[in-house]
Amino acid sequence: MRRFLIGVASGAVLGYAFIRTREALETARRPPLPLAPDSKTYGRTRRALMLAGMARSLATLAASAYALAPLAEARDGAREPRARRMALVATSLVASTLLELPA
């Protein structure tokens, strides 16, 4: 079950990053026409993007918790060095930041 959850969370994160990158490249190639100001449409779009961002954040958190957390556990019952834990946290933050770039 654990591997399944890791796969689902990782797939969601990578799929989101792929789709957002593809959309960004498509927008860069053919910029959309300017839209008329419409507060209802803006509000709907903003809420949809907020929910998509939350879902992506939860998927990234799940992938980090289930894939990276076991790497931070101590081997042979010894205490894990603080530098290793800090490196894992920094790595997950960098990965999360890279996933946010297309958005």
PDB file of N, CA and C in Angstrom:
ATOM      1  N   MET A   1       0.825  -1.194   0.000  1.00  0.00           N
ATOM      2  CA  MET A   1       0.000   0.000   0.000  1.00  0.00           C
ATOM      3  C   MET A   1       0.871   1.260   0.000  1.00  0.00           C
ATOM      4  N   ARG A   2       2.000   1.182   0.748  1.00  0.00           N
ATOM      5  CA  ARG A   2       2.883   2.337   0.837  1.00  0.00           C
ATOM      6  C   ARG A   2       3.466   2.688  -0.530  1.00  0.00           C
ATOM      7  N   ARG A   3       3.924   1.694  -1.268  1.00  0.00           N
ATOM      8  CA  ARG A   3       4.476   1.950  -2.604  1.00  0.00           C
ATOM      9  C   ARG A   3       3.412   2.503  -3.537  1.00  0.00           C
ATOM     10  N   PHE A   4       2.195   2.021  -3.390  1.00  0.00           N
ATOM     11  CA  PHE A   4       1.097   2.520  -4.214  1.00  0.00           C
ATOM     12  C   PHE A   4       0.869   4.004  -3.951  1.00  0.00           C
ATOM     13  N   LEU A   5       0.833   4.393  -2.667  1.00  0.00           N
ATOM     14  CA  LEU A   5       0.628   5.804  -2.321  1.00  0.00           C
ATOM     15  C   LEU A   5       1.782   6.670  -2.804  1.00  0.00           C
ATOM     16  N   ILE A   6       2.996   6.156  -2.701  1.00  0.00           N
ATOM     17  CA  ILE A   6       4.149   6.894  -3.205  1.00  0.00           C
ATOM     18  C   ILE A   6       4.016   7.089  -4.710  1.00  0.00           C
ATOM     19  N   GLY A   7       3.623   6.047  -5.405  1.00  0.00           N
ATOM     20  CA  GLY A   7       3.460   6.136  -6.854  1.00  0.00           C
ATOM     21  C   GLY A   7       2.371   7.112  -7.253  1.00  0.00           C
ATOM     22  N   VAL A   8       1.249   7.073  -6.554  1.00  0.00           N
ATOM     23  CA  VAL A   8       0.136   7.984  -6.867  1.00  0.00           C
ATOM     24  C   VAL A   8       0.552   9.434  -6.611  1.00  0.00           C
ATOM     25  N   ALA A   9       1.158   9.689  -5.448  1.00  0.00           N
ATOM     26  CA  ALA A   9       1.567  11.060  -5.120  1.00  0.00           C
ATOM     27  C   ALA A   9       2.645  11.555  -6.083  1.00  0.00           C
ATOM     28  N   SER A  10       3.612  10.713  -6.380  1.00  0.00           N
ATOM     29  CA  SER A  10       4.674  11.119  -7.309  1.00  0.00           C
ATOM     30  C   SER A  10       4.115  11.348  -8.709  1.00  0.00           C
ATOM     31  N   GLY A  11       3.221  10.488  -9.135  1.00  0.00           N
ATOM     32  CA  GLY A  11       2.606  10.657 -10.448  1.00  0.00           C
ATOM     33  C   GLY A  11       1.798  11.940 -10.540  1.00  0.00           C
ATOM     34  N   ALA A  12       1.082  12.267  -9.463  1.00  0.00           N
ATOM     35  CA  ALA A  12       0.299  13.504  -9.458  1.00  0.00           C
ATOM     36  C   ALA A  12       1.213  14.726  -9.536  1.00  0.00           C
ATOM     37  N   VAL A  13       2.296  14.703  -8.782  1.00  0.00           N
ATOM     38  CA  VAL A  13       3.228  15.835  -8.777  1.00  0.00           C
ATOM     39  C   VAL A  13       3.889  15.985 -10.143  1.00  0.00           C
ATOM     40  N   LEU A  14       4.391  14.895 -10.692  1.00  0.00           N
ATOM     41  CA  LEU A  14       5.058  14.963 -11.995  1.00  0.00           C
ATOM     42  C   LEU A  14       4.068  15.320 -13.110  1.00  0.00           C
ATOM     43  N   GLY A  15       2.860  14.775 -13.041  1.00  0.00           N
ATOM     44  CA  GLY A  15       1.841  15.110 -14.033  1.00  0.00           C
ATOM     45  C   GLY A  15       1.473  16.581 -13.984  1.00  0.00           C
ATOM     46  N   TYR A  16       1.325  17.117 -12.782  1.00  0.00           N
ATOM     47  CA  TYR A  16       1.010  18.541 -12.621  1.00  0.00           C
ATOM     48  C   TYR A  16       2.132  19.394 -13.199  1.00  0.00           C
ATOM     49  N   ALA A  17       3.370  19.047 -12.875  1.00  0.00           N
ATOM     50  CA  ALA A  17       4.507  19.816 -13.381  1.00  0.00           C
ATOM     51  C   ALA A  17       4.567  19.748 -14.905  1.00  0.00           C
ATOM     52  N   PHE A  18       4.313  18.574 -15.479  1.00  0.00           N
ATOM     53  CA  PHE A  18       4.339  18.420 -16.928  1.00  0.00           C
ATOM     54  C   PHE A  18       3.256  19.263 -17.594  1.00  0.00           C
ATOM     55  N   ILE A  19       2.042  19.201 -17.064  1.00  0.00           N
ATOM     56  CA  ILE A  19       0.927  19.951 -17.655  1.00  0.00           C
ATOM     57  C   ILE A  19       1.167  21.454 -17.557  1.00  0.00           C
ATOM     58  N   ARG A  20       1.618  21.925 -16.397  1.00  0.00           N
ATOM     59  CA  ARG A  20       1.861  23.365 -16.240  1.00  0.00           C
ATOM     60  C   ARG A  20       3.002  23.836 -17.138  1.00  0.00           C
ATOM     61  N   THR A  21       4.034  23.009 -17.307  1.00  0.00           N
ATOM     62  CA  THR A  21       5.138  23.367 -18.194  1.00  0.00           C
ATOM     63  C   THR A  21       4.661  23.437 -19.634  1.00  0.00           C
ATOM     64  N   ARG A  22       3.870  22.451 -20.032  1.00  0.00           N
ATOM     65  CA  ARG A  22       3.338  22.445 -21.391  1.00  0.00           C
ATOM     66  C   ARG A  22       2.463  23.677 -21.640  1.00  0.00           C
ATOM     67  N   GLU A  23       1.610  24.024 -20.674  1.00  0.00           N
ATOM     68  CA  GLU A  23       0.761  25.202 -20.816  1.00  0.00           C
ATOM     69  C   GLU A  23       1.595  26.481 -20.896  1.00  0.00           C
ATOM     70  N   ALA A  24       2.647  26.568 -20.088  1.00  0.00           N
ATOM     71  CA  ALA A  24       3.500  27.759 -20.105  1.00  0.00           C
ATOM     72  C   ALA A  24       4.214  27.900 -21.447  1.00  0.00           C
ATOM     73  N   LEU A  25       4.692  26.781 -21.988  1.00  0.00           N
ATOM     74  CA  LEU A  25       5.360  26.836 -23.294  1.00  0.00           C
ATOM     75  C   LEU A  25       4.380  27.205 -24.402  1.00  0.00           C
ATOM     76  N   GLU A  26       3.172  26.673 -24.325  1.00  0.00           N
ATOM     77  CA  GLU A  26       2.157  26.997 -25.329  1.00  0.00           C
ATOM     78  C   GLU A  26       1.781  28.480 -25.263  1.00  0.00           C
ATOM     79  N   THR A  27       1.666  29.018 -24.062  1.00  0.00           N
ATOM     80  CA  THR A  27       1.354  30.434 -23.889  1.00  0.00           C
ATOM     81  C   THR A  27       2.500  31.304 -24.391  1.00  0.00           C
ATOM     82  N   ALA A  28       3.730  30.845 -24.196  1.00  0.00           N
ATOM     83  CA  ALA A  28       4.883  31.615 -24.681  1.00  0.00           C
ATOM     84  C   ALA A  28       4.922  31.630 -26.209  1.00  0.00           C
ATOM     85  N   ARG A  29       4.523  30.523 -26.840  1.00  0.00           N
ATOM     86  CA  ARG A  29       4.517  30.463 -28.307  1.00  0.00           C
ATOM     87  C   ARG A  29       3.405  31.319 -28.899  1.00  0.00           C
ATOM     88  N   ARG A  30       2.204  31.154 -28.363  1.00  0.00           N
ATOM     89  CA  ARG A  30       1.036  31.892 -28.860  1.00  0.00           C
ATOM     90  C   ARG A  30       0.345  32.583 -27.695  1.00  0.00           C
ATOM     91  N   PRO A  31       0.705  33.840 -27.423  1.00  0.00           N
ATOM     92  CA  PRO A  31       0.067  34.536 -26.301  1.00  0.00           C
ATOM     93  C   PRO A  31      -1.439  34.671 -26.533  1.00  0.00           C
ATOM     94  N   PRO A  32      -2.240  34.484 -25.498  1.00  0.00           N
ATOM     95  CA  PRO A  32      -3.696  34.625 -25.666  1.00  0.00           C
ATOM     96  C   PRO A  32      -4.085  36.083 -25.856  1.00  0.00           C
ATOM     97  N   LEU A  33      -5.246  36.279 -26.447  1.00  0.00           N
ATOM     98  CA  LEU A  33      -5.777  37.628 -26.621  1.00  0.00           C
ATOM     99  C   LEU A  33      -6.163  38.200 -25.269  1.00  0.00           C
ATOM    100  N   PRO A  34      -6.041  39.509 -25.099  1.00  0.00           N
ATOM    101  CA  PRO A  34      -6.449  40.116 -23.828  1.00  0.00           C
ATOM    102  C   PRO A  34      -7.947  39.906 -23.594  1.00  0.00           C
ATOM    103  N   LEU A  35      -8.298  39.606 -22.368  1.00  0.00           N
ATOM    104  CA  LEU A  35      -9.700  39.384 -22.010  1.00  0.00           C
ATOM    105  C   LEU A  35     -10.301  40.655 -21.417  1.00  0.00           C
ATOM    106  N   ALA A  36     -11.596  40.793 -21.618  1.00  0.00           N
ATOM    107  CA  ALA A  36     -12.308  41.908 -20.997  1.00  0.00           C
ATOM    108  C   ALA A  36     -12.382  41.664 -19.494  1.00  0.00           C
ATOM    109  N   PRO A  37     -12.266  42.710 -18.684  1.00  0.00           N
ATOM    110  CA  PRO A  37     -12.325  42.535 -17.241  1.00  0.00           C
ATOM    111  C   PRO A  37     -13.671  41.944 -16.801  1.00  0.00           C
ATOM    112  N   ASP A  38     -13.616  40.849 -16.091  1.00  0.00           N
ATOM    113  CA  ASP A  38     -14.821  40.200 -15.590  1.00  0.00           C
ATOM    114  C   ASP A  38     -14.508  39.635 -14.209  1.00  0.00           C
ATOM    115  N   SER A  39     -15.073  40.263 -13.179  1.00  0.00           N
ATOM    116  CA  SER A  39     -14.723  39.881 -11.817  1.00  0.00           C
ATOM    117  C   SER A  39     -15.177  38.465 -11.461  1.00  0.00           C
ATOM    118  N   LYS A  40     -16.305  38.005 -11.978  1.00  0.00           N
ATOM    119  CA  LYS A  40     -16.782  36.648 -11.669  1.00  0.00           C
ATOM    120  C   LYS A  40     -15.850  35.593 -12.262  1.00  0.00           C
ATOM    121  N   THR A  41     -15.459  35.785 -13.510  1.00  0.00           N
ATOM    122  CA  THR A  41     -14.550  34.837 -14.147  1.00  0.00           C
ATOM    123  C   THR A  41     -13.198  34.855 -13.448  1.00  0.00           C
ATOM    124  N   TYR A  42     -12.729  36.041 -13.094  1.00  0.00           N
ATOM    125  CA  TYR A  42     -11.463  36.159 -12.383  1.00  0.00           C
ATOM    126  C   TYR A  42     -11.520  35.416 -11.057  1.00  0.00           C
ATOM    127  N   GLY A  43     -12.606  35.601 -10.309  1.00  0.00           N
ATOM    128  CA  GLY A  43     -12.759  34.922  -9.023  1.00  0.00           C
ATOM    129  C   GLY A  43     -12.792  33.409  -9.176  1.00  0.00           C
ATOM    130  N   ARG A  44     -13.527  32.905 -10.180  1.00  0.00           N
ATOM    131  CA  ARG A  44     -13.586  31.465 -10.424  1.00  0.00           C
ATOM    132  C   ARG A  44     -12.210  30.905 -10.776  1.00  0.00           C
ATOM    133  N   THR A  45     -11.518  31.622 -11.654  1.00  0.00           N
ATOM    134  CA  THR A  45     -10.191  31.168 -12.066  1.00  0.00           C
ATOM    135  C   THR A  45      -9.223  31.182 -10.892  1.00  0.00           C
ATOM    136  N   ARG A  46      -9.283  32.216 -10.101  1.00  0.00           N
ATOM    137  CA  ARG A  46      -8.389  32.318  -8.937  1.00  0.00           C
ATOM    138  C   ARG A  46      -8.651  31.195  -7.942  1.00  0.00           C
ATOM    139  N   ARG A  47      -9.914  30.900  -7.675  1.00  0.00           N
ATOM    140  CA  ARG A  47     -10.241  29.800  -6.750  1.00  0.00           C
ATOM    141  C   ARG A  47      -9.810  28.456  -7.307  1.00  0.00           C
ATOM    142  N   ALA A  48      -9.999  28.250  -8.615  1.00  0.00           N
ATOM    143  CA  ALA A  48      -9.582  26.987  -9.234  1.00  0.00           C
ATOM    144  C   ALA A  48      -8.070  26.821  -9.140  1.00  0.00           C
ATOM    145  N   LEU A  49      -7.328  27.889  -9.384  1.00  0.00           N
ATOM    146  CA  LEU A  49      -5.871  27.819  -9.275  1.00  0.00           C
ATOM    147  C   LEU A  49      -5.436  27.594  -7.830  1.00  0.00           C
ATOM    148  N   MET A  50      -6.139  28.190  -6.888  1.00  0.00           N
ATOM    149  CA  MET A  50      -5.814  27.995  -5.488  1.00  0.00           C
ATOM    150  C   MET A  50      -6.023  26.530  -5.094  1.00  0.00           C
ATOM    151  N   LEU A  51      -7.138  25.941  -5.515  1.00  0.00           N
ATOM    152  CA  LEU A  51      -7.400  24.537  -5.196  1.00  0.00           C
ATOM    153  C   LEU A  51      -6.400  23.618  -5.877  1.00  0.00           C
ATOM    154  N   ALA A  52      -6.029  23.928  -7.117  1.00  0.00           N
ATOM    155  CA  ALA A  52      -5.020  23.117  -7.811  1.00  0.00           C
ATOM    156  C   ALA A  52      -3.674  23.218  -7.095  1.00  0.00           C
ATOM    157  N   GLY A  53      -3.339  24.395  -6.624  1.00  0.00           N
ATOM    158  CA  GLY A  53      -2.092  24.573  -5.877  1.00  0.00           C
ATOM    159  C   GLY A  53      -2.101  23.804  -4.570  1.00  0.00           C
ATOM    160  N   MET A  54      -3.241  23.795  -3.887  1.00  0.00           N
ATOM    161  CA  MET A  54      -3.347  23.023  -2.646  1.00  0.00           C
ATOM    162  C   MET A  54      -3.203  21.528  -2.910  1.00  0.00           C
ATOM    163  N   ALA A  55      -3.854  21.052  -3.959  1.00  0.00           N
ATOM    164  CA  ALA A  55      -3.756  19.631  -4.299  1.00  0.00           C
ATOM    165  C   ALA A  55      -2.321  19.262  -4.649  1.00  0.00           C
ATOM    166  N   ARG A  56      -1.633  20.126  -5.400  1.00  0.00           N
ATOM    167  CA  ARG A  56      -0.245  19.863  -5.747  1.00  0.00           C
ATOM    168  C   ARG A  56       0.644  19.869  -4.509  1.00  0.00           C
ATOM    169  N   SER A  57       0.382  20.804  -3.601  1.00  0.00           N
ATOM    170  CA  SER A  57       1.166  20.869  -2.372  1.00  0.00           C
ATOM    171  C   SER A  57       0.967  19.621  -1.522  1.00  0.00           C
ATOM    172  N   LEU A  58      -0.270  19.166  -1.425  1.00  0.00           N
ATOM    173  CA  LEU A  58      -0.531  17.944  -0.652  1.00  0.00           C
ATOM    174  C   LEU A  58       0.125  16.725  -1.296  1.00  0.00           C
ATOM    175  N   ALA A  59       0.099  16.655  -2.617  1.00  0.00           N
ATOM    176  CA  ALA A  59       0.741  15.535  -3.299  1.00  0.00           C
ATOM    177  C   ALA A  59       2.255  15.584  -3.103  1.00  0.00           C
ATOM    178  N   THR A  60       2.837  16.776  -3.162  1.00  0.00           N
ATOM    179  CA  THR A  60       4.275  16.912  -2.928  1.00  0.00           C
ATOM    180  C   THR A  60       4.625  16.541  -1.497  1.00  0.00           C
ATOM    181  N   LEU A  61       3.798  16.972  -0.561  1.00  0.00           N
ATOM    182  CA  LEU A  61       4.031  16.632   0.836  1.00  0.00           C
ATOM    183  C   LEU A  61       3.953  15.130   1.054  1.00  0.00           C
ATOM    184  N   ALA A  62       2.965  14.489   0.444  1.00  0.00           N
ATOM    185  CA  ALA A  62       2.829  13.043   0.586  1.00  0.00           C
ATOM    186  C   ALA A  62       4.019  12.316  -0.031  1.00  0.00           C
ATOM    187  N   ALA A  63       4.442  12.750  -1.202  1.00  0.00           N
ATOM    188  CA  ALA A  63       5.601  12.114  -1.841  1.00  0.00           C
ATOM    189  C   ALA A  63       6.849  12.304  -0.992  1.00  0.00           C
ATOM    190  N   SER A  64       7.007  13.501  -0.425  1.00  0.00           N
ATOM    191  CA  SER A  64       8.173  13.749   0.427  1.00  0.00           C
ATOM    192  C   SER A  64       8.110  12.919   1.708  1.00  0.00           C
ATOM    193  N   ALA A  65       6.931  12.853   2.298  1.00  0.00           N
ATOM    194  CA  ALA A  65       6.792  12.137   3.564  1.00  0.00           C
ATOM    195  C   ALA A  65       7.007  10.643   3.401  1.00  0.00           C
ATOM    196  N   TYR A  66       6.476  10.079   2.322  1.00  0.00           N
ATOM    197  CA  TYR A  66       6.583   8.634   2.164  1.00  0.00           C
ATOM    198  C   TYR A  66       7.837   8.198   1.416  1.00  0.00           C
ATOM    199  N   ALA A  67       8.432   9.078   0.614  1.00  0.00           N
ATOM    200  CA  ALA A  67       9.620   8.692  -0.143  1.00  0.00           C
ATOM    201  C   ALA A  67      10.910   9.166   0.538  1.00  0.00           C
ATOM    202  N   LEU A  68      10.904  10.382   1.078  1.00  0.00           N
ATOM    203  CA  LEU A  68      12.123  10.913   1.684  1.00  0.00           C
ATOM    204  C   LEU A  68      12.249  10.635   3.171  1.00  0.00           C
ATOM    205  N   ALA A  69      11.128  10.542   3.869  1.00  0.00           N
ATOM    206  CA  ALA A  69      11.196  10.322   5.314  1.00  0.00           C
ATOM    207  C   ALA A  69      11.919   9.027   5.682  1.00  0.00           C
ATOM    208  N   PRO A  70      11.688   7.913   4.973  1.00  0.00           N
ATOM    209  CA  PRO A  70      12.450   6.707   5.325  1.00  0.00           C
ATOM    210  C   PRO A  70      13.956   6.884   5.164  1.00  0.00           C
ATOM    211  N   LEU A  71      14.386   7.765   4.284  1.00  0.00           N
ATOM    212  CA  LEU A  71      15.815   8.003   4.122  1.00  0.00           C
ATOM    213  C   LEU A  71      16.398   8.727   5.326  1.00  0.00           C
ATOM    214  N   ALA A  72      15.569   9.460   6.051  1.00  0.00           N
ATOM    215  CA  ALA A  72      16.044  10.210   7.210  1.00  0.00           C
ATOM    216  C   ALA A  72      16.067   9.368   8.480  1.00  0.00           C
ATOM    217  N   GLU A  73      15.485   8.180   8.436  1.00  0.00           N
ATOM    218  CA  GLU A  73      15.482   7.329   9.622  1.00  0.00           C
ATOM    219  C   GLU A  73      16.879   6.802   9.904  1.00  0.00           C
ATOM    220  N   ALA A  74      17.149   6.613  11.166  1.00  0.00           N
ATOM    221  CA  ALA A  74      18.475   6.150  11.582  1.00  0.00           C
ATOM    222  C   ALA A  74      18.707   4.704  11.155  1.00  0.00           C
ATOM    223  N   ARG A  75      19.914   4.402  10.776  1.00  0.00           N
ATOM    224  CA  ARG A  75      20.312   3.047  10.419  1.00  0.00           C
ATOM    225  C   ARG A  75      20.895   2.365  11.654  1.00  0.00           C
ATOM    226  N   ASP A  76      20.618   1.129  11.857  1.00  0.00           N
ATOM    227  CA  ASP A  76      21.165   0.323  12.955  1.00  0.00           C
ATOM    228  C   ASP A  76      20.875   0.911  14.334  1.00  0.00           C
ATOM    229  N   GLY A  77      19.791   1.657  14.459  1.00  0.00           N
ATOM    230  CA  GLY A  77      19.414   2.221  15.747  1.00  0.00           C
ATOM    231  C   GLY A  77      20.272   3.395  16.179  1.00  0.00           C
ATOM    232  N   ALA A  78      21.234   3.799  15.363  1.00  0.00           N
ATOM    233  CA  ALA A  78      22.090   4.932  15.708  1.00  0.00           C
ATOM    234  C   ALA A  78      21.340   6.239  15.445  1.00  0.00           C
ATOM    235  N   ARG A  79      21.786   7.262  16.100  1.00  0.00           N
ATOM    236  CA  ARG A  79      21.165   8.562  15.894  1.00  0.00           C
ATOM    237  C   ARG A  79      21.601   9.126  14.541  1.00  0.00           C
ATOM    238  N   GLU A  80      20.629   9.636  13.813  1.00  0.00           N
ATOM    239  CA  GLU A  80      20.902  10.176  12.475  1.00  0.00           C
ATOM    240  C   GLU A  80      21.587  11.532  12.603  1.00  0.00           C
ATOM    241  N   PRO A  81      22.622  11.766  11.815  1.00  0.00           N
ATOM    242  CA  PRO A  81      23.290  13.072  11.887  1.00  0.00           C
ATOM    243  C   PRO A  81      22.351  14.204  11.463  1.00  0.00           C
ATOM    244  N   ARG A  82      22.465  15.307  12.145  1.00  0.00           N
ATOM    245  CA  ARG A  82      21.618  16.462  11.871  1.00  0.00           C
ATOM    246  C   ARG A  82      21.845  16.982  10.451  1.00  0.00           C
ATOM    247  N   ALA A  83      23.071  16.927   9.975  1.00  0.00           N
ATOM    248  CA  ALA A  83      23.374  17.439   8.635  1.00  0.00           C
ATOM    249  C   ALA A  83      22.607  16.662   7.566  1.00  0.00           C
ATOM    250  N   ARG A  84      22.457  15.353   7.748  1.00  0.00           N
ATOM    251  CA  ARG A  84      21.721  14.554   6.761  1.00  0.00           C
ATOM    252  C   ARG A  84      20.243  14.955   6.726  1.00  0.00           C
ATOM    253  N   ARG A  85      19.648  15.142   7.904  1.00  0.00           N
ATOM    254  CA  ARG A  85      18.245  15.550   7.961  1.00  0.00           C
ATOM    255  C   ARG A  85      18.066  16.924   7.322  1.00  0.00           C
ATOM    256  N   MET A  86      18.973  17.834   7.596  1.00  0.00           N
ATOM    257  CA  MET A  86      18.881  19.172   7.018  1.00  0.00           C
ATOM    258  C   MET A  86      19.044  19.114   5.501  1.00  0.00           C
ATOM    259  N   ALA A  87      19.922  18.253   5.015  1.00  0.00           N
ATOM    260  CA  ALA A  87      20.113  18.111   3.575  1.00  0.00           C
ATOM    261  C   ALA A  87      18.853  17.563   2.915  1.00  0.00           C
ATOM    262  N   LEU A  88      18.181  16.616   3.559  1.00  0.00           N
ATOM    263  CA  LEU A  88      16.944  16.073   3.002  1.00  0.00           C
ATOM    264  C   LEU A  88      15.842  17.122   2.960  1.00  0.00           C
ATOM    265  N   VAL A  89      15.731  17.927   4.004  1.00  0.00           N
ATOM    266  CA  VAL A  89      14.729  18.995   4.017  1.00  0.00           C
ATOM    267  C   VAL A  89      15.046  20.021   2.935  1.00  0.00           C
ATOM    268  N   ALA A  90      16.313  20.395   2.810  1.00  0.00           N
ATOM    269  CA  ALA A  90      16.704  21.359   1.777  1.00  0.00           C
ATOM    270  C   ALA A  90      16.427  20.807   0.383  1.00  0.00           C
ATOM    271  N   THR A  91      16.694  19.526   0.181  1.00  0.00           N
ATOM    272  CA  THR A  91      16.438  18.905  -1.114  1.00  0.00           C
ATOM    273  C   THR A  91      14.951  18.930  -1.444  1.00  0.00           C
ATOM    274  N   SER A  92      14.113  18.627  -0.467  1.00  0.00           N
ATOM    275  CA  SER A  92      12.672  18.642  -0.736  1.00  0.00           C
ATOM    276  C   SER A  92      12.176  20.058  -1.000  1.00  0.00           C
ATOM    277  N   LEU A  93      12.742  21.059  -0.328  1.00  0.00           N
ATOM    278  CA  LEU A  93      12.354  22.442  -0.587  1.00  0.00           C
ATOM    279  C   LEU A  93      12.778  22.882  -1.986  1.00  0.00           C
ATOM    280  N   VAL A  94      13.972  22.485  -2.401  1.00  0.00           N
ATOM    281  CA  VAL A  94      14.435  22.826  -3.755  1.00  0.00           C
ATOM    282  C   VAL A  94      13.547  22.151  -4.795  1.00  0.00           C
ATOM    283  N   ALA A  95      13.209  20.877  -4.561  1.00  0.00           N
ATOM    284  CA  ALA A  95      12.339  20.162  -5.499  1.00  0.00           C
ATOM    285  C   ALA A  95      10.968  20.829  -5.582  1.00  0.00           C
ATOM    286  N   SER A  96      10.433  21.236  -4.458  1.00  0.00           N
ATOM    287  CA  SER A  96       9.137  21.914  -4.458  1.00  0.00           C
ATOM    288  C   SER A  96       9.220  23.248  -5.209  1.00  0.00           C
ATOM    289  N   THR A  97      10.305  23.978  -5.007  1.00  0.00           N
ATOM    290  CA  THR A  97      10.485  25.247  -5.705  1.00  0.00           C
ATOM    291  C   THR A  97      10.587  25.033  -7.212  1.00  0.00           C
ATOM    292  N   LEU A  98      11.297  24.000  -7.637  1.00  0.00           N
ATOM    293  CA  LEU A  98      11.421  23.703  -9.065  1.00  0.00           C
ATOM    294  C   LEU A  98      10.076  23.326  -9.671  1.00  0.00           C
ATOM    295  N   LEU A  99       9.255  22.642  -8.898  1.00  0.00           N
ATOM    296  CA  LEU A  99       7.923  22.296  -9.401  1.00  0.00           C
ATOM    297  C   LEU A  99       7.023  23.525  -9.523  1.00  0.00           C
ATOM    298  N   GLU A 100       7.294  24.551  -8.731  1.00  0.00           N
ATOM    299  CA  GLU A 100       6.496  25.765  -8.791  1.00  0.00           C
ATOM    300  C   GLU A 100       6.879  26.673  -9.959  1.00  0.00           C
ATOM    301  N   LEU A 101       8.062  26.496 -10.527  1.00  0.00           N
ATOM    302  CA  LEU A 101       8.526  27.394 -11.587  1.00  0.00           C
ATOM    303  C   LEU A 101       7.573  27.496 -12.769  1.00  0.00           C
ATOM    304  N   PRO A 102       7.043  26.383 -13.300  1.00  0.00           N
ATOM    305  CA  PRO A 102       6.136  26.530 -14.435  1.00  0.00           C
ATOM    306  C   PRO A 102       4.862  27.306 -14.104  1.00  0.00           C
ATOM    307  N   ALA A 103       4.399  27.162 -12.878  1.00  0.00           N
ATOM    308  CA  ALA A 103       3.176  27.853 -12.474  1.00  0.00           C
ATOM    309  C   ALA A 103       3.428  29.345 -12.336  1.00  0.00           C
TER     310      ALA A 103
END
